[in-house]
Amino acid sequence: MPGTDFGHPSSLDSVTHIIQVALTPVFLLSGIAALLNVFSTRLARVADRVNKLAQALERAAPEEAGRLTDQLSYHRTRSLVLDVAVVLGALGGGATSGATLVLFLGALRNSTVASVLFILFGLAILCTIGALAAFVTEMLMASRGLRAEMHDRREAAVAQRRTEHR
């Protein structure tokens, strides 16, 4: 960098400060990566459930097939919500990385890039919030689906007991 004296203590402090500030978004990036890992695990669980339902549908009686088809449709919606969470999380990670890059480039050029940095970091935060909202939606759907499945099993058990007592 022209005009930069790296041997001077104030220059070393300046470079150290730039590196510290540029590394701050890495913490957000680590959080986003953890979220993406959670989303991926949830999607794998949905996929496992869909596989089981599809296998059960192949051998199901006609009256059972309707219920299984409804469950498959429900899990399709869950997977779509998770897709939104993953895309928003990835965009947030990309924007965070872009903000870090802009910070480094701005420091190298001694130019003011505050507006671009603000937009990228703001985009990262908004995408992360959107990803969290989609994740919460999917979690609520999973909870509702679990309660409905438990209700169905309870009803089936009650009906079976009634049949056995006759």
C-alpha atoms as a PDB file:
ATOM      1  CA  MET A   1       0.000   0.000   0.000  1.00  0.00           C
ATOM      2  CA  PRO A   2       1.568   3.305  -1.036  1.00  0.00           C
ATOM      3  CA  GLY A   3       2.280   5.692   1.778  1.00  0.00           C
ATOM      4  CA  THR A   4       1.899   3.060   4.476  1.00  0.00           C
ATOM      5  CA  ASP A   5       4.769   2.563   6.898  1.00  0.00           C
ATOM      6  CA  PHE A   6       4.217  -0.854   8.446  1.00  0.00           C
ATOM      7  CA  GLY A   7       7.197  -0.341  10.756  1.00  0.00           C
ATOM      8  CA  HIS A   8       5.538   2.599  12.483  1.00  0.00           C
ATOM      9  CA  PRO A   9       3.566   1.661  15.641  1.00  0.00           C
ATOM     10  CA  SER A  10       0.501   3.671  14.633  1.00  0.00           C
ATOM     11  CA  SER A  11       0.386   1.834  11.282  1.00  0.00           C
ATOM     12  CA  LEU A  12       0.608  -1.508  13.072  1.00  0.00           C
ATOM     13  CA  ASP A  13      -2.223  -0.441  15.366  1.00  0.00           C
ATOM     14  CA  SER A  14      -4.240   0.653  12.341  1.00  0.00           C
ATOM     15  CA  VAL A  15      -3.726  -2.681  10.549  1.00  0.00           C
ATOM     16  CA  THR A  16      -4.535  -4.585  13.740  1.00  0.00           C
ATOM     17  CA  HIS A  17      -7.741  -2.590  14.150  1.00  0.00           C
ATOM     18  CA  ILE A  18      -8.753  -3.238  10.538  1.00  0.00           C
ATOM     19  CA  ILE A  19      -8.215  -6.976  11.003  1.00  0.00           C
ATOM     20  CA  GLN A  20     -10.192  -6.985  14.263  1.00  0.00           C
ATOM     21  CA  VAL A  21     -13.103  -5.118  12.708  1.00  0.00           C
ATOM     22  CA  ALA A  22     -13.043  -7.323   9.614  1.00  0.00           C
ATOM     23  CA  LEU A  23     -13.100 -10.483  11.719  1.00  0.00           C
ATOM     24  CA  THR A  24     -16.173  -9.383  13.663  1.00  0.00           C
ATOM     25  CA  PRO A  25     -18.575 -10.536  10.901  1.00  0.00           C
ATOM     26  CA  VAL A  26     -16.965 -13.981  11.138  1.00  0.00           C
ATOM     27  CA  PHE A  27     -18.904 -14.501  14.359  1.00  0.00           C
ATOM     28  CA  LEU A  28     -22.151 -13.831  12.493  1.00  0.00           C
ATOM     29  CA  LEU A  29     -20.943 -16.138   9.739  1.00  0.00           C
ATOM     30  CA  SER A  30     -20.290 -18.877  12.321  1.00  0.00           C
ATOM     31  CA  GLY A  31     -23.820 -18.461  13.662  1.00  0.00           C
ATOM     32  CA  ILE A  32     -25.263 -18.627  10.160  1.00  0.00           C
ATOM     33  CA  ALA A  33     -23.255 -21.790   9.482  1.00  0.00           C
ATOM     34  CA  ALA A  34     -24.670 -23.347  12.648  1.00  0.00           C
ATOM     35  CA  LEU A  35     -28.189 -22.420  11.519  1.00  0.00           C
ATOM     36  CA  LEU A  36     -27.584 -23.961   8.108  1.00  0.00           C
ATOM     37  CA  ASN A  37     -26.440 -27.130   9.835  1.00  0.00           C
ATOM     38  CA  VAL A  38     -29.669 -27.217  11.861  1.00  0.00           C
ATOM     39  CA  PHE A  39     -31.738 -26.609   8.731  1.00  0.00           C
ATOM     40  CA  SER A  40     -29.913 -29.420   6.955  1.00  0.00           C
ATOM     41  CA  THR A  41     -30.562 -31.824   9.832  1.00  0.00           C
ATOM     42  CA  ARG A  42     -34.244 -30.898   9.877  1.00  0.00           C
ATOM     43  CA  LEU A  43     -34.490 -31.424   6.126  1.00  0.00           C
ATOM     44  CA  ALA A  44     -32.877 -34.859   6.474  1.00  0.00           C
ATOM     45  CA  ARG A  45     -35.473 -35.793   9.096  1.00  0.00           C
ATOM     46  CA  VAL A  46     -38.287 -34.645   6.801  1.00  0.00           C
ATOM     47  CA  ALA A  47     -36.760 -36.701   3.969  1.00  0.00           C
ATOM     48  CA  ASP A  48     -36.572 -39.788   6.191  1.00  0.00           C
ATOM     49  CA  ARG A  49     -40.212 -39.362   7.145  1.00  0.00           C
ATOM     50  CA  VAL A  50     -41.231 -38.916   3.499  1.00  0.00           C
ATOM     51  CA  ASN A  51     -39.419 -42.140   2.585  1.00  0.00           C
ATOM     52  CA  LYS A  52     -41.271 -44.052   5.307  1.00  0.00           C
ATOM     53  CA  LEU A  53     -44.597 -42.581   4.241  1.00  0.00           C
ATOM     54  CA  ALA A  54     -43.942 -43.410   0.597  1.00  0.00           C
ATOM     55  CA  GLN A  55     -43.129 -47.019   1.475  1.00  0.00           C
ATOM     56  CA  ALA A  56     -46.247 -47.263   3.627  1.00  0.00           C
ATOM     57  CA  LEU A  57     -48.328 -45.762   0.807  1.00  0.00           C
ATOM     58  CA  GLU A  58     -47.211 -48.528  -1.554  1.00  0.00           C
ATOM     59  CA  ARG A  59     -48.765 -51.187   0.710  1.00  0.00           C
ATOM     60  CA  ALA A  60     -51.626 -49.158   2.118  1.00  0.00           C
ATOM     61  CA  ALA A  61     -55.290 -49.979   1.830  1.00  0.00           C
ATOM     62  CA  PRO A  62     -57.399 -47.379  -0.025  1.00  0.00           C
ATOM     63  CA  GLU A  63     -58.810 -45.854   3.187  1.00  0.00           C
ATOM     64  CA  GLU A  64     -55.280 -45.490   4.609  1.00  0.00           C
ATOM     65  CA  ALA A  65     -53.847 -44.107   1.344  1.00  0.00           C
ATOM     66  CA  GLY A  66     -55.735 -40.821   1.677  1.00  0.00           C
ATOM     67  CA  ARG A  67     -54.273 -40.131   5.109  1.00  0.00           C
ATOM     68  CA  LEU A  68     -50.759 -41.000   3.934  1.00  0.00           C
ATOM     69  CA  THR A  69     -51.129 -38.766   0.894  1.00  0.00           C
ATOM     70  CA  ASP A  70     -52.159 -35.879   3.157  1.00  0.00           C
ATOM     71  CA  GLN A  71     -49.087 -36.466   5.313  1.00  0.00           C
ATOM     72  CA  LEU A  72     -46.844 -36.470   2.247  1.00  0.00           C
ATOM     73  CA  SER A  73     -48.332 -33.146   1.177  1.00  0.00           C
ATOM     74  CA  TYR A  74     -47.754 -31.752   4.664  1.00  0.00           C
ATOM     75  CA  HIS A  75     -44.090 -32.813   4.617  1.00  0.00           C
ATOM     76  CA  ARG A  76     -43.685 -31.266   1.187  1.00  0.00           C
ATOM     77  CA  THR A  77     -44.747 -27.927   2.665  1.00  0.00           C
ATOM     78  CA  ARG A  78     -42.305 -28.380   5.561  1.00  0.00           C
ATOM     79  CA  SER A  79     -39.487 -29.039   3.110  1.00  0.00           C
ATOM     80  CA  LEU A  80     -40.386 -25.892   1.139  1.00  0.00           C
ATOM     81  CA  VAL A  81     -40.259 -23.776   4.309  1.00  0.00           C
ATOM     82  CA  LEU A  82     -36.875 -25.287   5.133  1.00  0.00           C
ATOM     83  CA  ASP A  83     -35.723 -24.478   1.606  1.00  0.00           C
ATOM     84  CA  VAL A  84     -36.599 -20.828   2.223  1.00  0.00           C
ATOM     85  CA  ALA A  85     -34.667 -20.885   5.513  1.00  0.00           C
ATOM     86  CA  VAL A  86     -31.606 -22.390   3.820  1.00  0.00           C
ATOM     87  CA  VAL A  87     -31.661 -19.896   0.933  1.00  0.00           C
ATOM     88  CA  LEU A  88     -32.053 -16.924   3.273  1.00  0.00           C
ATOM     89  CA  GLY A  89     -29.322 -18.234   5.557  1.00  0.00           C
ATOM     90  CA  ALA A  90     -26.983 -18.714   2.606  1.00  0.00           C
ATOM     91  CA  LEU A  91     -27.752 -15.207   1.331  1.00  0.00           C
ATOM     92  CA  GLY A  92     -27.063 -13.859   4.822  1.00  0.00           C
ATOM     93  CA  GLY A  93     -23.731 -15.676   4.837  1.00  0.00           C
ATOM     94  CA  GLY A  94     -22.890 -14.334   1.398  1.00  0.00           C
ATOM     95  CA  ALA A  95     -23.782 -10.786   2.413  1.00  0.00           C
ATOM     96  CA  THR A  96     -21.692 -11.127   5.579  1.00  0.00           C
ATOM     97  CA  SER A  97     -18.734 -12.336   3.542  1.00  0.00           C
ATOM     98  CA  GLY A  98     -19.291  -9.480   1.100  1.00  0.00           C
ATOM     99  CA  ALA A  99     -19.324  -6.992   3.963  1.00  0.00           C
ATOM    100  CA  THR A 100     -16.003  -8.352   5.193  1.00  0.00           C
ATOM    101  CA  LEU A 101     -14.502  -8.138   1.707  1.00  0.00           C
ATOM    102  CA  VAL A 102     -15.713  -4.570   1.257  1.00  0.00           C
ATOM    103  CA  LEU A 103     -14.231  -3.640   4.619  1.00  0.00           C
ATOM    104  CA  PHE A 104     -10.841  -5.014   3.600  1.00  0.00           C
ATOM    105  CA  LEU A 105     -10.963  -3.392   0.157  1.00  0.00           C
ATOM    106  CA  GLY A 106     -12.044  -0.090   1.667  1.00  0.00           C
ATOM    107  CA  ALA A 107      -9.154  -0.191   4.123  1.00  0.00           C
ATOM    108  CA  LEU A 108      -6.719  -0.926   1.313  1.00  0.00           C
ATOM    109  CA  ARG A 109      -8.010   1.898  -0.842  1.00  0.00           C
ATOM    110  CA  ASN A 110      -8.415   4.389   2.015  1.00  0.00           C
ATOM    111  CA  SER A 111     -11.873   5.132   0.668  1.00  0.00           C
ATOM    112  CA  THR A 112     -15.177   5.417   2.400  1.00  0.00           C
ATOM    113  CA  VAL A 113     -17.263   2.338   1.708  1.00  0.00           C
ATOM    114  CA  ALA A 114     -19.589   2.745   4.651  1.00  0.00           C
ATOM    115  CA  SER A 115     -22.758   2.714   2.557  1.00  0.00           C
ATOM    116  CA  VAL A 116     -21.879  -0.548   0.757  1.00  0.00           C
ATOM    117  CA  LEU A 117     -20.747  -2.090   4.033  1.00  0.00           C
ATOM    118  CA  PHE A 118     -23.957  -0.965   5.718  1.00  0.00           C
ATOM    119  CA  ILE A 119     -26.103  -2.433   2.925  1.00  0.00           C
ATOM    120  CA  LEU A 120     -24.291  -5.793   2.905  1.00  0.00           C
ATOM    121  CA  PHE A 121     -24.266  -6.160   6.667  1.00  0.00           C
ATOM    122  CA  GLY A 122     -27.914  -5.050   6.824  1.00  0.00           C
ATOM    123  CA  LEU A 123     -28.766  -7.621   4.143  1.00  0.00           C
ATOM    124  CA  ALA A 124     -26.957 -10.289   6.156  1.00  0.00           C
ATOM    125  CA  ILE A 125     -28.991  -9.439   9.249  1.00  0.00           C
ATOM    126  CA  LEU A 126     -32.289  -9.336   7.323  1.00  0.00           C
ATOM    127  CA  CYS A 127     -31.607 -12.682   5.631  1.00  0.00           C
ATOM    128  CA  THR A 128     -30.676 -14.228   8.964  1.00  0.00           C
ATOM    129  CA  ILE A 129     -33.887 -12.932  10.531  1.00  0.00           C
ATOM    130  CA  GLY A 130     -35.863 -14.313   7.569  1.00  0.00           C
ATOM    131  CA  ALA A 131     -34.117 -17.672   7.878  1.00  0.00           C
ATOM    132  CA  LEU A 132     -34.945 -17.788  11.579  1.00  0.00           C
ATOM    133  CA  ALA A 133     -38.578 -16.928  10.863  1.00  0.00           C
ATOM    134  CA  ALA A 134     -38.790 -19.705   8.269  1.00  0.00           C
ATOM    135  CA  PHE A 135     -37.153 -22.110  10.720  1.00  0.00           C
ATOM    136  CA  VAL A 136     -39.633 -21.184  13.462  1.00  0.00           C
ATOM    137  CA  THR A 137     -42.478 -21.722  10.993  1.00  0.00           C
ATOM    138  CA  GLU A 138     -41.147 -25.165  10.102  1.00  0.00           C
ATOM    139  CA  MET A 139     -40.674 -26.066  13.760  1.00  0.00           C
ATOM    140  CA  LEU A 140     -44.269 -25.077  14.489  1.00  0.00           C
ATOM    141  CA  MET A 141     -45.428 -27.152  11.531  1.00  0.00           C
ATOM    142  CA  ALA A 142     -43.430 -30.114  12.822  1.00  0.00           C
ATOM    143  CA  SER A 143     -44.968 -29.733  16.278  1.00  0.00           C
ATOM    144  CA  ARG A 144     -48.459 -29.505  14.853  1.00  0.00           C
ATOM    145  CA  GLY A 145     -47.811 -32.543  12.669  1.00  0.00           C
ATOM    146  CA  LEU A 146     -46.512 -34.507  15.629  1.00  0.00           C
ATOM    147  CA  ARG A 147     -49.588 -33.634  17.688  1.00  0.00           C
ATOM    148  CA  ALA A 148     -51.870 -34.625  14.805  1.00  0.00           C
ATOM    149  CA  GLU A 149     -50.027 -37.920  14.404  1.00  0.00           C
ATOM    150  CA  MET A 150     -50.325 -38.630  18.126  1.00  0.00           C
ATOM    151  CA  HIS A 151     -54.038 -37.819  17.971  1.00  0.00           C
ATOM    152  CA  ASP A 152     -54.495 -40.166  14.997  1.00  0.00           C
ATOM    153  CA  ARG A 153     -52.651 -42.959  16.777  1.00  0.00           C
ATOM    154  CA  ARG A 154     -54.699 -42.421  19.918  1.00  0.00           C
ATOM    155  CA  GLU A 155     -57.917 -42.535  17.918  1.00  0.00           C
ATOM    156  CA  ALA A 156     -56.763 -45.684  16.105  1.00  0.00           C
ATOM    157  CA  ALA A 157     -55.896 -47.341  19.411  1.00  0.00           C
ATOM    158  CA  VAL A 158     -59.300 -46.430  20.857  1.00  0.00           C
ATOM    159  CA  ALA A 159     -61.052 -47.765  17.750  1.00  0.00           C
ATOM    160  CA  GLN A 160     -59.032 -50.979  17.901  1.00  0.00           C
ATOM    161  CA  ARG A 161     -59.938 -51.482  21.578  1.00  0.00           C
ATOM    162  CA  ARG A 162     -63.609 -50.958  20.739  1.00  0.00           C
ATOM    163  CA  THR A 163     -63.359 -53.547  17.956  1.00  0.00           C
ATOM    164  CA  GLU A 164     -61.637 -56.038  20.211  1.00  0.00           C
ATOM    165  CA  HIS A 165     -64.299 -55.635  22.934  1.00  0.00           C
ATOM    166  CA  ARG A 166     -67.135 -56.457  20.549  1.00  0.00           C
END
